[in-house]
C-alpha atoms as a PDB file:
ATOM      1  CA  GLY A   1       6.367  68.311  -0.530  1.00  0.00           C
ATOM      2  CA  LEU A   2       5.885  71.713  -0.058  1.00  0.00           C
ATOM      3  CA  GLY A   3       4.390  74.265  -3.145  1.00  0.00           C
ATOM      4  CA  ILE A   4       4.369  78.104  -3.703  1.00  0.00           C
ATOM      5  CA  ALA A   5       4.467  79.783  -0.375  1.00  0.00           C
ATOM      6  CA  GLY A   6       4.975  77.051   1.590  1.00  0.00           C
ATOM      7  CA  ARG A   7       1.798  75.158   0.171  1.00  0.00           C
ATOM      8  CA  PRO A   8       1.175  71.270  -0.057  1.00  0.00           C
ATOM      9  CA  SER A   9       2.361  70.190  -3.172  1.00  0.00           C
ATOM     10  CA  ALA A  10      -0.403  69.319  -5.877  1.00  0.00           C
ATOM     11  CA  MET A  11       1.480  65.582  -5.628  1.00  0.00           C
ATOM     12  CA  SER A  12       1.193  65.733  -1.488  1.00  0.00           C
ATOM     13  CA  GLU A  13      -2.411  66.587  -1.973  1.00  0.00           C
ATOM     14  CA  ALA A  14      -3.241  63.808  -3.935  1.00  0.00           C
ATOM     15  CA  LYS A  15      -0.883  60.850  -1.593  1.00  0.00           C
ATOM     16  CA  GLU A  16      -2.937  62.459   1.106  1.00  0.00           C
ATOM     17  CA  LYS A  17      -5.781  62.283  -0.076  1.00  0.00           C
ATOM     18  CA  THR A  18      -5.533  58.257  -1.987  1.00  0.00           C
ATOM     19  CA  THR A  19      -3.975  57.677   2.234  1.00  0.00           C
ATOM     20  CA  LYS A  20      -7.321  58.901   3.971  1.00  0.00           C
ATOM     21  CA  SER A  21      -9.158  57.148   0.561  1.00  0.00           C
ATOM     22  CA  SER A  22      -7.583  53.470   1.416  1.00  0.00           C
ATOM     23  CA  GLY A  23      -7.517  54.380   5.363  1.00  0.00           C
ATOM     24  CA  LEU A  24     -11.518  55.091   4.657  1.00  0.00           C
ATOM     25  CA  LYS A  25     -12.193  51.934   2.812  1.00  0.00           C
ATOM     26  CA  LYS A  26      -9.900  50.497   5.547  1.00  0.00           C
ATOM     27  CA  PHE A  27     -13.151  51.027   8.170  1.00  0.00           C
ATOM     28  CA  LEU A  28     -15.382  50.450   6.012  1.00  0.00           C
ATOM     29  CA  MET A  29     -14.648  46.646   5.208  1.00  0.00           C
ATOM     30  CA  HIS A  30     -14.139  46.620   8.879  1.00  0.00           C
ATOM     31  CA  GLN A  31     -17.268  47.991  10.166  1.00  0.00           C
ATOM     32  CA  THR A  32     -19.383  45.996   8.357  1.00  0.00           C
ATOM     33  CA  ALA A  33     -17.237  42.679   7.358  1.00  0.00           C
ATOM     34  CA  GLY A  34     -19.648  41.053  10.210  1.00  0.00           C
ATOM     35  CA  THR A  35     -23.359  42.661   8.735  1.00  0.00           C
ATOM     36  CA  LYS A  36     -25.432  41.033   5.801  1.00  0.00           C
ATOM     37  CA  ALA A  37     -24.575  44.275   3.741  1.00  0.00           C
ATOM     38  CA  GLY A  38     -20.920  44.185   4.146  1.00  0.00           C
ATOM     39  CA  ARG A  39     -20.996  40.324   3.369  1.00  0.00           C
ATOM     40  CA  LYS A  40     -22.919  40.963   0.331  1.00  0.00           C
ATOM     41  CA  LEU A  41     -20.618  43.789  -0.823  1.00  0.00           C
ATOM     42  CA  ILE A  42     -16.712  41.355  -0.400  1.00  0.00           C
ATOM     43  CA  SER A  43     -19.179  38.623  -2.223  1.00  0.00           C
ATOM     44  CA  SER A  44     -19.425  40.499  -4.748  1.00  0.00           C
ATOM     45  CA  PHE A  45     -15.475  39.841  -5.216  1.00  0.00           C
ATOM     46  CA  VAL A  46     -14.908  36.842  -5.068  1.00  0.00           C
ATOM     47  CA  GLY A  47     -18.017  36.149  -7.559  1.00  0.00           C
ATOM     48  CA  GLU A  48     -21.031  33.409  -7.854  1.00  0.00           C
ATOM     49  CA  ASN A  49     -18.495  30.253  -7.802  1.00  0.00           C
ATOM     50  CA  GLY A  50     -16.443  31.320  -5.267  1.00  0.00           C
ATOM     51  CA  ASN A  51     -19.177  32.155  -2.740  1.00  0.00           C
ATOM     52  CA  GLU A  52     -20.753  28.869  -3.233  1.00  0.00           C
ATOM     53  CA  ILE A  53     -17.075  27.407  -2.816  1.00  0.00           C
ATOM     54  CA  ILE A  54     -16.589  29.120   1.102  1.00  0.00           C
ATOM     55  CA  GLU A  55     -19.852  28.031   1.816  1.00  0.00           C
ATOM     56  CA  ALA A  56     -19.412  24.622   1.265  1.00  0.00           C
ATOM     57  CA  VAL A  57     -16.205  25.006   2.991  1.00  0.00           C
ATOM     58  CA  LYS A  58     -17.979  26.050   6.015  1.00  0.00           C
ATOM     59  CA  THR A  59     -20.440  23.360   6.040  1.00  0.00           C
ATOM     60  CA  ILE A  60     -16.925  21.114   6.251  1.00  0.00           C
ATOM     61  CA  THR A  61     -15.632  23.376   8.718  1.00  0.00           C
ATOM     62  CA  ALA A  62     -18.793  22.596  10.984  1.00  0.00           C
ATOM     63  CA  LYS A  63     -18.927  19.058  10.139  1.00  0.00           C
ATOM     64  CA  VAL A  64     -15.343  18.718  10.732  1.00  0.00           C
ATOM     65  CA  GLU A  65     -15.513  21.622  13.978  1.00  0.00           C
ATOM     66  CA  ASP A  66     -18.607  23.629  15.488  1.00  0.00           C
ATOM     67  CA  LYS A  67     -20.483  25.996  13.265  1.00  0.00           C
ATOM     68  CA  GLU A  68     -18.741  28.905  15.068  1.00  0.00           C
ATOM     69  CA  THR A  69     -15.811  28.662  13.736  1.00  0.00           C
ATOM     70  CA  ALA A  70     -17.306  28.097  11.050  1.00  0.00           C
ATOM     71  CA  LYS A  71     -18.392  30.704  10.929  1.00  0.00           C
ATOM     72  CA  LYS A  72     -15.624  32.999  12.440  1.00  0.00           C
ATOM     73  CA  ASN A  73     -13.561  31.286   9.363  1.00  0.00           C
ATOM     74  CA  LYS A  74     -16.080  32.104   6.941  1.00  0.00           C
ATOM     75  CA  GLU A  75     -15.947  35.901   7.732  1.00  0.00           C
ATOM     76  CA  ARG A  76     -11.465  35.840   8.012  1.00  0.00           C
ATOM     77  CA  ILE A  77     -11.736  34.046   4.333  1.00  0.00           C
ATOM     78  CA  PHE A  78     -14.138  37.343   3.144  1.00  0.00           C
ATOM     79  CA  ARG A  79     -11.803  39.656   4.844  1.00  0.00           C
ATOM     80  CA  PHE A  80      -8.730  38.777   3.752  1.00  0.00           C
ATOM     81  CA  ALA A  81      -9.651  38.105  -0.114  1.00  0.00           C
ATOM     82  CA  LEU A  82     -10.993  42.457   0.367  1.00  0.00           C
ATOM     83  CA  LYS A  83      -8.060  43.302   2.274  1.00  0.00           C
ATOM     84  CA  VAL A  84      -5.822  41.633  -1.074  1.00  0.00           C
ATOM     85  CA  LYS A  85      -8.155  43.400  -3.318  1.00  0.00           C
ATOM     86  CA  LEU A  86      -7.736  46.584  -1.290  1.00  0.00           C
ATOM     87  CA  MET A  87      -3.741  46.169  -1.734  1.00  0.00           C
ATOM     88  CA  PHE A  88      -3.329  46.145  -5.623  1.00  0.00           C
ATOM     89  CA  ASP A  89      -6.436  48.608  -5.602  1.00  0.00           C
ATOM     90  CA  ASP A  90      -4.323  51.075  -3.490  1.00  0.00           C
ATOM     91  CA  GLY A  91      -1.178  50.237  -5.576  1.00  0.00           C
ATOM     92  CA  LEU A  92       0.564  48.165  -2.545  1.00  0.00           C
ATOM     93  CA  LEU A  93       1.041  45.012  -4.024  1.00  0.00           C
ATOM     94  CA  LYS A  94       1.497  45.138  -8.325  1.00  0.00           C
ATOM     95  CA  ARG A  95       1.371  42.088 -10.716  1.00  0.00           C
ATOM     96  CA  LYS A  96       4.980  41.396 -10.523  1.00  0.00           C
ATOM     97  CA  ASP A  97       4.907  40.864  -6.421  1.00  0.00           C
ATOM     98  CA  VAL A  98       3.178  37.559  -7.130  1.00  0.00           C
ATOM     99  CA  LEU A  99       4.421  36.120 -10.354  1.00  0.00           C
ATOM    100  CA  HIS A 100       6.291  33.776  -8.252  1.00  0.00           C
ATOM    101  CA  ILE A 101       3.333  32.411  -6.551  1.00  0.00           C
ATOM    102  CA  ILE A 102       1.795  31.472  -9.649  1.00  0.00           C
ATOM    103  CA  ASP A 103       3.495  28.270  -9.706  1.00  0.00           C
ATOM    104  CA  PRO A 104       2.628  26.624  -6.264  1.00  0.00           C
ATOM    105  CA  VAL A 105      -0.707  28.070  -6.920  1.00  0.00           C
ATOM    106  CA  ASP A 106      -0.898  25.575 -10.041  1.00  0.00           C
ATOM    107  CA  HIS A 107       0.415  22.919  -8.588  1.00  0.00           C
ATOM    108  CA  LEU A 108      -2.192  23.226  -5.241  1.00  0.00           C
ATOM    109  CA  VAL A 109      -5.348  23.738  -7.819  1.00  0.00           C
ATOM    110  CA  GLY A 110      -4.174  20.903 -10.508  1.00  0.00           C
ATOM    111  CA  LYS A 111      -3.768  18.244  -7.310  1.00  0.00           C
ATOM    112  CA  PHE A 112      -6.998  19.197  -5.742  1.00  0.00           C
ATOM    113  CA  VAL A 113      -9.042  18.842  -8.996  1.00  0.00           C
ATOM    114  CA  LYS A 114      -7.662  15.780  -9.597  1.00  0.00           C
ATOM    115  CA  LEU A 115      -8.459  13.729  -6.077  1.00  0.00           C
ATOM    116  CA  LEU A 116     -11.845  15.671  -6.246  1.00  0.00           C
ATOM    117  CA  MET A 117     -12.449  13.652  -9.201  1.00  0.00           C
ATOM    118  CA  ALA A 118     -10.455  10.649  -7.344  1.00  0.00           C
ATOM    119  CA  LYS A 119     -12.620   7.190  -7.354  1.00  0.00           C
ATOM    120  CA  LYS A 120     -10.042   7.085  -4.572  1.00  0.00           C
ATOM    121  CA  VAL A 121      -7.696   9.037  -2.768  1.00  0.00           C
ATOM    122  CA  THR A 122      -5.205   7.505  -0.199  1.00  0.00           C
ATOM    123  CA  LYS A 123      -2.986   9.100   2.976  1.00  0.00           C
ATOM    124  CA  ASP A 124      -0.858  10.035   0.940  1.00  0.00           C
ATOM    125  CA  ASP A 125      -2.685  12.324  -1.415  1.00  0.00           C
ATOM    126  CA  SER A 126      -3.836  13.656   1.436  1.00  0.00           C
ATOM    127  CA  VAL A 127      -0.284  14.874   2.897  1.00  0.00           C
ATOM    128  CA  ALA A 128       0.535  15.938  -0.562  1.00  0.00           C
ATOM    129  CA  VAL A 129      -1.955  18.029  -0.782  1.00  0.00           C
ATOM    130  CA  SER A 130      -1.583  19.353   2.874  1.00  0.00           C
ATOM    131  CA  ASN A 131       1.761  20.389   2.377  1.00  0.00           C
ATOM    132  CA  SER A 132       1.229  22.238  -1.245  1.00  0.00           C
ATOM    133  CA  VAL A 133      -1.525  24.260   0.859  1.00  0.00           C
ATOM    134  CA  ASP A 134       1.578  25.010   3.729  1.00  0.00           C
ATOM    135  CA  ARG A 135       4.193  25.869   0.483  1.00  0.00           C
ATOM    136  CA  LEU A 136       1.456  28.592  -0.435  1.00  0.00           C
ATOM    137  CA  ARG A 137       0.483  29.598   3.065  1.00  0.00           C
ATOM    138  CA  PHE A 138       4.732  30.401   3.357  1.00  0.00           C
ATOM    139  CA  GLU A 139       4.447  32.099  -0.458  1.00  0.00           C
ATOM    140  CA  ILE A 140       1.200  34.310  -0.125  1.00  0.00           C
ATOM    141  CA  VAL A 141       1.977  34.918   4.269  1.00  0.00           C
ATOM    142  CA  ASP A 142       5.338  36.460   2.891  1.00  0.00           C
ATOM    143  CA  VAL A 143       3.934  38.462   0.218  1.00  0.00           C
ATOM    144  CA  VAL A 144       1.212  39.983   1.795  1.00  0.00           C
ATOM    145  CA  GLY A 145       1.966  39.851   5.821  1.00  0.00           C
ATOM    146  CA  LYS A 146       4.774  43.645   4.712  1.00  0.00           C
ATOM    147  CA  HIS A 147       1.253  45.004   4.002  1.00  0.00           C
ATOM    148  CA  MET A 148      -0.755  43.856   7.384  1.00  0.00           C
ATOM    149  CA  GLN A 149      -0.649  44.778  11.418  1.00  0.00           C
ATOM    150  CA  GLU A 150       0.679  41.242  13.222  1.00  0.00           C
ATOM    151  CA  LYS A 151      -2.164  40.271  14.946  1.00  0.00           C
ATOM    152  CA  ASN A 152      -4.076  40.128  10.723  1.00  0.00           C
ATOM    153  CA  LYS A 153      -0.675  38.101   9.722  1.00  0.00           C
ATOM    154  CA  GLU A 154      -0.605  36.142  12.064  1.00  0.00           C
ATOM    155  CA  LYS A 155      -4.945  35.387  11.978  1.00  0.00           C
ATOM    156  CA  LEU A 156      -3.903  34.415   8.594  1.00  0.00           C
ATOM    157  CA  ASN A 157      -1.394  32.144   8.774  1.00  0.00           C
ATOM    158  CA  ALA A 158      -3.543  30.393  10.910  1.00  0.00           C
ATOM    159  CA  LEU A 159      -6.638  30.483   8.729  1.00  0.00           C
ATOM    160  CA  PHE A 160      -4.291  28.155   6.204  1.00  0.00           C
ATOM    161  CA  ASN A 161      -2.885  26.317   8.856  1.00  0.00           C
ATOM    162  CA  TYR A 162      -6.342  25.239   9.903  1.00  0.00           C
ATOM    163  CA  TYR A 163      -7.471  24.680   6.378  1.00  0.00           C
ATOM    164  CA  GLY A 164      -4.268  22.665   5.301  1.00  0.00           C
ATOM    165  CA  ALA A 165      -4.048  20.631   8.309  1.00  0.00           C
ATOM    166  CA  THR A 166      -5.151  16.729   7.330  1.00  0.00           C
ATOM    167  CA  LYS A 167      -7.543  16.299   9.705  1.00  0.00           C
ATOM    168  CA  PHE A 168      -9.618  19.378   7.647  1.00  0.00           C
ATOM    169  CA  VAL A 169      -7.802  17.570   4.279  1.00  0.00           C
ATOM    170  CA  ASP A 170      -8.681  13.949   5.226  1.00  0.00           C
ATOM    171  CA  PHE A 171     -11.775  14.892   6.253  1.00  0.00           C
ATOM    172  CA  LEU A 172     -13.416  16.596   2.976  1.00  0.00           C
ATOM    173  CA  LEU A 173     -11.368  14.331   0.629  1.00  0.00           C
ATOM    174  CA  MET A 174     -12.469  11.024   2.247  1.00  0.00           C
ATOM    175  CA  ASP A 175     -15.564  11.309   4.795  1.00  0.00           C
ATOM    176  CA  GLU A 176     -19.289  10.249   2.713  1.00  0.00           C
ATOM    177  CA  LYS A 177     -20.094  12.227   5.101  1.00  0.00           C
ATOM    178  CA  VAL A 178     -19.155  15.474   2.868  1.00  0.00           C
ATOM    179  CA  LYS A 179     -19.934  13.573  -0.450  1.00  0.00           C
ATOM    180  CA  ASN A 180     -22.115  16.467  -1.316  1.00  0.00           C
ATOM    181  CA  GLU A 181     -19.813  19.630  -0.077  1.00  0.00           C
ATOM    182  CA  LYS A 182     -17.097  18.031  -2.618  1.00  0.00           C
ATOM    183  CA  ALA A 183     -19.224  17.698  -5.227  1.00  0.00           C
ATOM    184  CA  ILE A 184     -20.342  20.994  -5.462  1.00  0.00           C
ATOM    185  CA  ILE A 185     -16.588  22.420  -4.276  1.00  0.00           C
ATOM    186  CA  LEU A 186     -15.323  20.840  -8.016  1.00  0.00           C
ATOM    187  CA  LYS A 187     -18.838  21.751  -9.228  1.00  0.00           C
ATOM    188  CA  ASN A 188     -18.132  25.763  -8.846  1.00  0.00           C
ATOM    189  CA  LEU A 189     -14.145  25.366  -9.239  1.00  0.00           C
ATOM    190  CA  THR A 190     -14.178  24.007 -12.703  1.00  0.00           C
ATOM    191  CA  PRO A 191     -14.720  27.179 -14.324  1.00  0.00           C
ATOM    192  CA  ILE A 192     -13.042  29.098 -12.419  1.00  0.00           C
ATOM    193  CA  VAL A 193      -9.948  26.372 -13.631  1.00  0.00           C
ATOM    194  CA  LYS A 194     -11.411  26.936 -17.139  1.00  0.00           C
ATOM    195  CA  GLU A 195     -11.064  30.558 -16.896  1.00  0.00           C
ATOM    196  CA  TYR A 196      -8.282  31.909 -14.573  1.00  0.00           C
ATOM    197  CA  THR A 197      -5.807  28.120 -14.981  1.00  0.00           C
ATOM    198  CA  PRO A 198      -7.072  26.644 -18.606  1.00  0.00           C
ATOM    199  CA  HIS A 199      -4.164  25.445 -19.032  1.00  0.00           C
ATOM    200  CA  LEU A 200      -4.012  23.095 -16.039  1.00  0.00           C
ATOM    201  CA  CYS A 201      -7.564  21.653 -17.855  1.00  0.00           C
ATOM    202  CA  LYS A 202      -5.676  19.127 -20.573  1.00  0.00           C
ATOM    203  CA  GLY A 203      -4.401  17.008 -18.026  1.00  0.00           C
ATOM    204  CA  LEU A 204      -7.892  17.273 -15.358  1.00  0.00           C
ATOM    205  CA  GLY A 205      -9.619  15.945 -18.318  1.00  0.00           C
ATOM    206  CA  ILE A 206     -11.295  19.283 -18.604  1.00  0.00           C
ATOM    207  CA  PRO A 207     -13.031  20.401 -21.555  1.00  0.00           C
ATOM    208  CA  LEU A 208     -12.676  24.392 -23.482  1.00  0.00           C
ATOM    209  CA  ASP A 209     -14.471  26.177 -25.234  1.00  0.00           C
ATOM    210  CA  THR A 210     -12.878  28.463 -27.738  1.00  0.00           C
ATOM    211  CA  GLU A 211     -12.200  31.316 -25.379  1.00  0.00           C
ATOM    212  CA  ASN A 212     -10.603  29.279 -22.790  1.00  0.00           C
ATOM    213  CA  LYS A 213      -8.440  27.542 -25.588  1.00  0.00           C
ATOM    214  CA  GLU A 214      -7.438  30.998 -27.167  1.00  0.00           C
ATOM    215  CA  VAL A 215      -6.827  32.107 -23.080  1.00  0.00           C
ATOM    216  CA  ALA A 216      -4.474  28.824 -23.024  1.00  0.00           C
ATOM    217  CA  ALA A 217      -2.122  29.289 -25.663  1.00  0.00           C
ATOM    218  CA  LYS A 218      -1.582  32.955 -24.685  1.00  0.00           C
ATOM    219  CA  GLY A 219      -0.548  31.706 -20.907  1.00  0.00           C
ATOM    220  CA  ALA A 220       1.507  29.247 -23.135  1.00  0.00           C
ATOM    221  CA  GLU A 221       3.455  31.515 -24.914  1.00  0.00           C
ATOM    222  CA  GLU A 222       3.505  33.885 -21.710  1.00  0.00           C
ATOM    223  CA  ARG A 223       5.657  31.196 -20.439  1.00  0.00           C
ATOM    224  CA  LYS A 224       7.831  30.620 -22.342  1.00  0.00           C
ATOM    225  CA  SER A 225       9.119  33.713 -22.453  1.00  0.00           C
END
Protein backbone atom coordinates (compact mmCIF):
# COMPACT_ATOMS: atom_id res chain seq x y z
CA GLY A 1 0.00 0.00 0.00
CA LEU A 2 1.04 3.64 -0.43
CA GLY A 3 1.57 6.03 2.46
CA ILE A 4 2.00 9.83 2.44
CA ALA A 5 3.03 11.38 -0.88
CA GLY A 6 2.82 8.04 -2.65
CA ARG A 7 5.56 6.46 -0.57
CA PRO A 8 5.26 2.78 0.43
CA SER A 9 3.70 2.36 3.86
CA ALA A 10 5.74 0.96 6.76
CA MET A 11 3.63 -2.21 6.61
CA SER A 12 4.33 -2.85 2.93
CA GLU A 13 8.04 -2.11 3.43
CA ALA A 14 8.18 -4.60 6.30
CA LYS A 15 6.35 -7.19 4.19
CA GLU A 16 8.76 -6.65 1.29
CA LYS A 17 11.74 -6.91 3.62
CA THR A 18 10.40 -10.18 5.08
CA THR A 19 9.77 -11.58 1.58
CA LYS A 20 13.31 -10.68 0.49
CA SER A 21 14.75 -12.16 3.68
CA SER A 22 12.76 -15.36 3.13
CA GLY A 23 13.90 -15.54 -0.49
CA LEU A 24 17.52 -15.05 0.57
CA LYS A 25 17.28 -17.78 3.19
CA LYS A 26 15.81 -20.20 0.64
CA PHE A 27 18.48 -19.30 -1.90
CA LEU A 28 21.29 -19.81 0.63
CA MET A 29 19.73 -23.08 1.76
CA HIS A 30 19.63 -24.37 -1.81
CA GLN A 31 23.19 -23.25 -2.55
CA THR A 32 24.78 -24.63 0.62
CA ALA A 33 22.79 -27.83 1.24
CA GLY A 34 25.26 -29.94 -0.71
CA THR A 35 28.38 -28.43 0.87
CA LYS A 36 30.07 -29.49 4.10
CA ALA A 37 29.24 -26.15 5.77
CA GLY A 38 25.66 -26.34 4.51
CA ARG A 39 25.18 -29.86 5.82
CA LYS A 40 26.54 -28.77 9.19
CA LEU A 41 24.09 -25.85 9.27
CA ILE A 42 21.12 -28.03 8.36
CA SER A 43 22.24 -30.73 10.82
CA SER A 44 21.90 -28.26 13.66
CA PHE A 45 18.15 -28.06 13.00
CA VAL A 46 17.51 -31.79 13.43
CA GLY A 47 19.70 -32.21 16.52
CA GLU A 48 22.25 -34.83 17.50
CA ASN A 49 19.75 -37.67 17.86
CA GLY A 50 18.10 -36.76 14.56
CA ASN A 51 21.48 -36.76 12.83
CA GLU A 52 22.36 -40.19 14.19
CA ILE A 53 19.03 -41.57 12.95
CA ILE A 54 19.48 -40.01 9.50
CA GLU A 55 23.03 -41.41 9.27
CA ALA A 56 21.74 -44.87 10.16
CA VAL A 57 18.98 -44.58 7.55
CA LYS A 58 21.62 -43.51 5.01
CA THR A 59 23.67 -46.65 5.78
CA ILE A 60 20.59 -48.86 5.46
CA THR A 61 19.68 -47.18 2.15
CA ALA A 62 23.17 -47.91 0.81
CA LYS A 63 22.69 -51.59 1.71
CA VAL A 64 19.23 -51.73 0.13
CA GLU A 65 20.14 -49.74 -2.99
CA ASP A 66 23.55 -48.06 -3.39
CA LYS A 67 25.68 -45.27 -1.94
CA GLU A 68 24.54 -42.75 -4.56
CA THR A 69 20.85 -43.19 -3.65
CA ALA A 70 21.72 -43.05 0.06
CA LYS A 71 23.62 -39.78 -0.35
CA LYS A 72 20.90 -38.20 -2.51
CA ASN A 73 18.11 -39.18 -0.11
CA LYS A 74 20.01 -37.93 2.94
CA GLU A 75 20.51 -34.57 1.26
CA ARG A 76 16.80 -34.41 0.41
CA ILE A 77 15.80 -35.22 4.00
CA PHE A 78 17.97 -32.33 5.20
CA ARG A 79 16.60 -29.97 2.55
CA PHE A 80 12.97 -30.75 3.39
CA ALA A 81 13.61 -30.46 7.14
CA LEU A 82 14.95 -26.96 6.57
CA LYS A 83 12.20 -26.04 4.10
CA VAL A 84 9.55 -26.88 6.68
CA LYS A 85 11.42 -24.96 9.39
CA LEU A 86 11.51 -21.90 7.12
CA MET A 87 7.76 -22.26 6.51
CA PHE A 88 7.18 -21.96 10.25
CA ASP A 89 9.75 -19.16 10.62
CA ASP A 90 8.07 -17.16 7.84
CA GLY A 91 4.56 -17.74 9.20
CA LEU A 92 3.45 -19.81 6.20
CA LEU A 93 2.71 -22.65 8.59
CA LYS A 94 1.28 -22.35 12.10
CA ARG A 95 0.67 -24.89 14.83
CA LYS A 96 -3.05 -25.06 14.01
CA ASP A 97 -2.16 -26.15 10.45
CA VAL A 98 -0.47 -29.33 11.67
CA LEU A 99 -2.58 -30.32 14.69
CA HIS A 100 -4.40 -33.01 12.70
CA ILE A 101 -1.04 -34.66 11.91
CA ILE A 102 -0.27 -35.34 15.59
CA ASP A 103 -2.37 -38.52 15.78
CA PRO A 104 -0.87 -40.22 12.70
CA VAL A 105 2.64 -39.28 13.94
CA ASP A 106 1.90 -40.75 17.38
CA HIS A 107 0.45 -43.86 15.78
CA LEU A 108 3.50 -44.41 13.56
CA VAL A 109 6.08 -43.61 16.24
CA GLY A 110 4.44 -45.91 18.78
CA LYS A 111 4.17 -48.77 16.30
CA PHE A 112 7.70 -48.28 14.95
CA VAL A 113 9.43 -48.11 18.36
CA LYS A 114 7.54 -51.20 19.54
CA LEU A 115 8.72 -53.14 16.49
CA LEU A 116 12.31 -51.92 16.88
CA MET A 117 12.24 -53.41 20.39
CA ALA A 118 10.46 -56.62 19.37
CA LYS A 119 12.35 -59.91 19.19
CA LYS A 120 10.28 -61.02 16.21
CA VAL A 121 8.69 -58.93 13.46
CA THR A 122 6.23 -60.38 10.93
CA LYS A 123 5.36 -59.39 7.39
CA ASP A 124 2.01 -58.09 8.67
CA ASP A 125 3.89 -55.77 11.06
CA SER A 126 5.93 -54.44 8.17
CA VAL A 127 2.83 -53.81 6.05
CA ALA A 128 1.19 -51.97 8.98
CA VAL A 129 4.21 -49.62 9.25
CA SER A 130 4.18 -49.08 5.49
CA ASN A 131 0.48 -48.15 5.59
CA SER A 132 1.09 -45.74 8.50
CA VAL A 133 3.91 -44.03 6.59
CA ASP A 134 1.64 -43.65 3.57
CA ARG A 135 -1.10 -42.06 5.68
CA LEU A 136 1.46 -39.64 7.14
CA ARG A 137 2.80 -38.92 3.65
CA PHE A 138 -0.66 -37.91 2.49
CA GLU A 139 -1.22 -35.58 5.47
CA ILE A 140 2.23 -33.93 5.40
CA VAL A 141 2.44 -33.44 1.64
CA ASP A 142 -1.08 -31.99 1.68
CA VAL A 143 -0.05 -29.37 4.26
CA VAL A 144 3.48 -28.39 3.20
CA GLY A 145 3.01 -29.04 -0.51
CA LYS A 146 0.89 -25.88 -0.80
CA HIS A 147 4.05 -23.86 -0.17
CA MET A 148 6.32 -25.77 -2.56
CA GLN A 149 6.99 -25.88 -6.27
CA GLU A 150 5.36 -28.91 -7.90
CA LYS A 151 8.75 -30.55 -8.58
CA ASN A 152 9.67 -30.34 -4.87
CA LYS A 153 6.27 -31.67 -3.86
CA GLU A 154 6.90 -34.67 -6.14
CA LYS A 155 10.34 -35.22 -4.58
CA LEU A 156 8.84 -35.18 -1.09
CA ASN A 157 6.20 -37.67 -2.17
CA ALA A 158 8.92 -39.88 -3.67
CA LEU A 159 10.95 -39.75 -0.45
CA PHE A 160 7.97 -40.91 1.63
CA ASN A 161 7.13 -43.59 -0.94
CA TYR A 162 10.68 -44.92 -0.90
CA TYR A 163 11.02 -45.17 2.88
CA GLY A 164 7.44 -46.33 3.33
CA ALA A 165 7.71 -49.11 0.76
CA THR A 166 7.58 -52.63 2.21
CA LYS A 167 10.92 -53.35 0.50
CA PHE A 168 12.69 -50.84 2.73
CA VAL A 169 10.58 -51.45 5.87
CA ASP A 170 11.10 -55.24 5.58
CA PHE A 171 14.85 -54.78 5.30
CA LEU A 172 15.01 -52.33 8.22
CA LEU A 173 12.88 -54.37 10.61
CA MET A 174 13.76 -57.95 9.65
CA ASP A 175 17.21 -58.19 8.04
CA GLU A 176 20.18 -59.12 10.22
CA LYS A 177 22.48 -57.07 7.95
CA VAL A 178 21.18 -53.88 9.54
CA LYS A 179 21.00 -55.05 13.16
CA ASN A 180 23.51 -52.40 14.28
CA GLU A 181 21.76 -49.57 12.42
CA LYS A 182 18.43 -50.68 13.89
CA ALA A 183 19.94 -50.46 17.39
CA ILE A 184 21.30 -46.97 16.64
CA ILE A 185 17.87 -45.78 15.47
CA LEU A 186 16.18 -47.13 18.62
CA LYS A 187 18.85 -45.65 20.90
CA ASN A 188 18.46 -42.18 19.36
CA LEU A 189 14.69 -42.33 18.86
CA THR A 190 14.05 -43.11 22.55
CA PRO A 191 15.12 -39.68 23.91
CA ILE A 192 13.12 -37.99 21.12
CA VAL A 193 10.03 -39.96 22.15
CA LYS A 194 10.63 -39.06 25.81
CA GLU A 195 10.90 -35.36 24.97
CA TYR A 196 8.21 -34.90 22.32
CA THR A 197 5.74 -37.76 22.84
CA PRO A 198 6.11 -38.75 26.52
CA HIS A 199 2.48 -39.91 26.60
CA LEU A 200 3.54 -42.91 24.49
CA CYS A 201 6.28 -44.03 26.88
CA LYS A 202 4.17 -45.99 29.36
CA GLY A 203 2.77 -48.24 26.64
CA LEU A 204 6.26 -48.72 25.20
CA GLY A 205 7.87 -49.48 28.55
CA ILE A 206 10.16 -46.44 28.35
CA PRO A 207 10.87 -44.98 31.82
CA LEU A 208 10.30 -41.25 32.25
CA ASP A 209 12.18 -38.81 34.46
CA THR A 210 10.31 -36.14 36.47
CA GLU A 211 10.43 -33.50 33.71
CA ASN A 212 9.10 -35.90 31.08
CA LYS A 213 6.30 -37.00 33.42
CA GLU A 214 5.20 -33.39 33.87
CA VAL A 215 5.19 -32.84 30.10
CA ALA A 216 3.21 -36.05 29.59
CA ALA A 217 0.63 -35.02 32.21
CA LYS A 218 0.24 -31.58 30.66
CA GLY A 219 -0.14 -33.11 27.19
CA ALA A 220 -2.81 -35.50 28.46
CA GLU A 221 -4.81 -32.59 29.87
CA GLU A 222 -4.51 -30.66 26.58
CA ARG A 223 -5.75 -33.65 24.57
CA LYS A 224 -8.80 -33.95 26.85
CA SER A 225 -9.77 -30.30 26.36
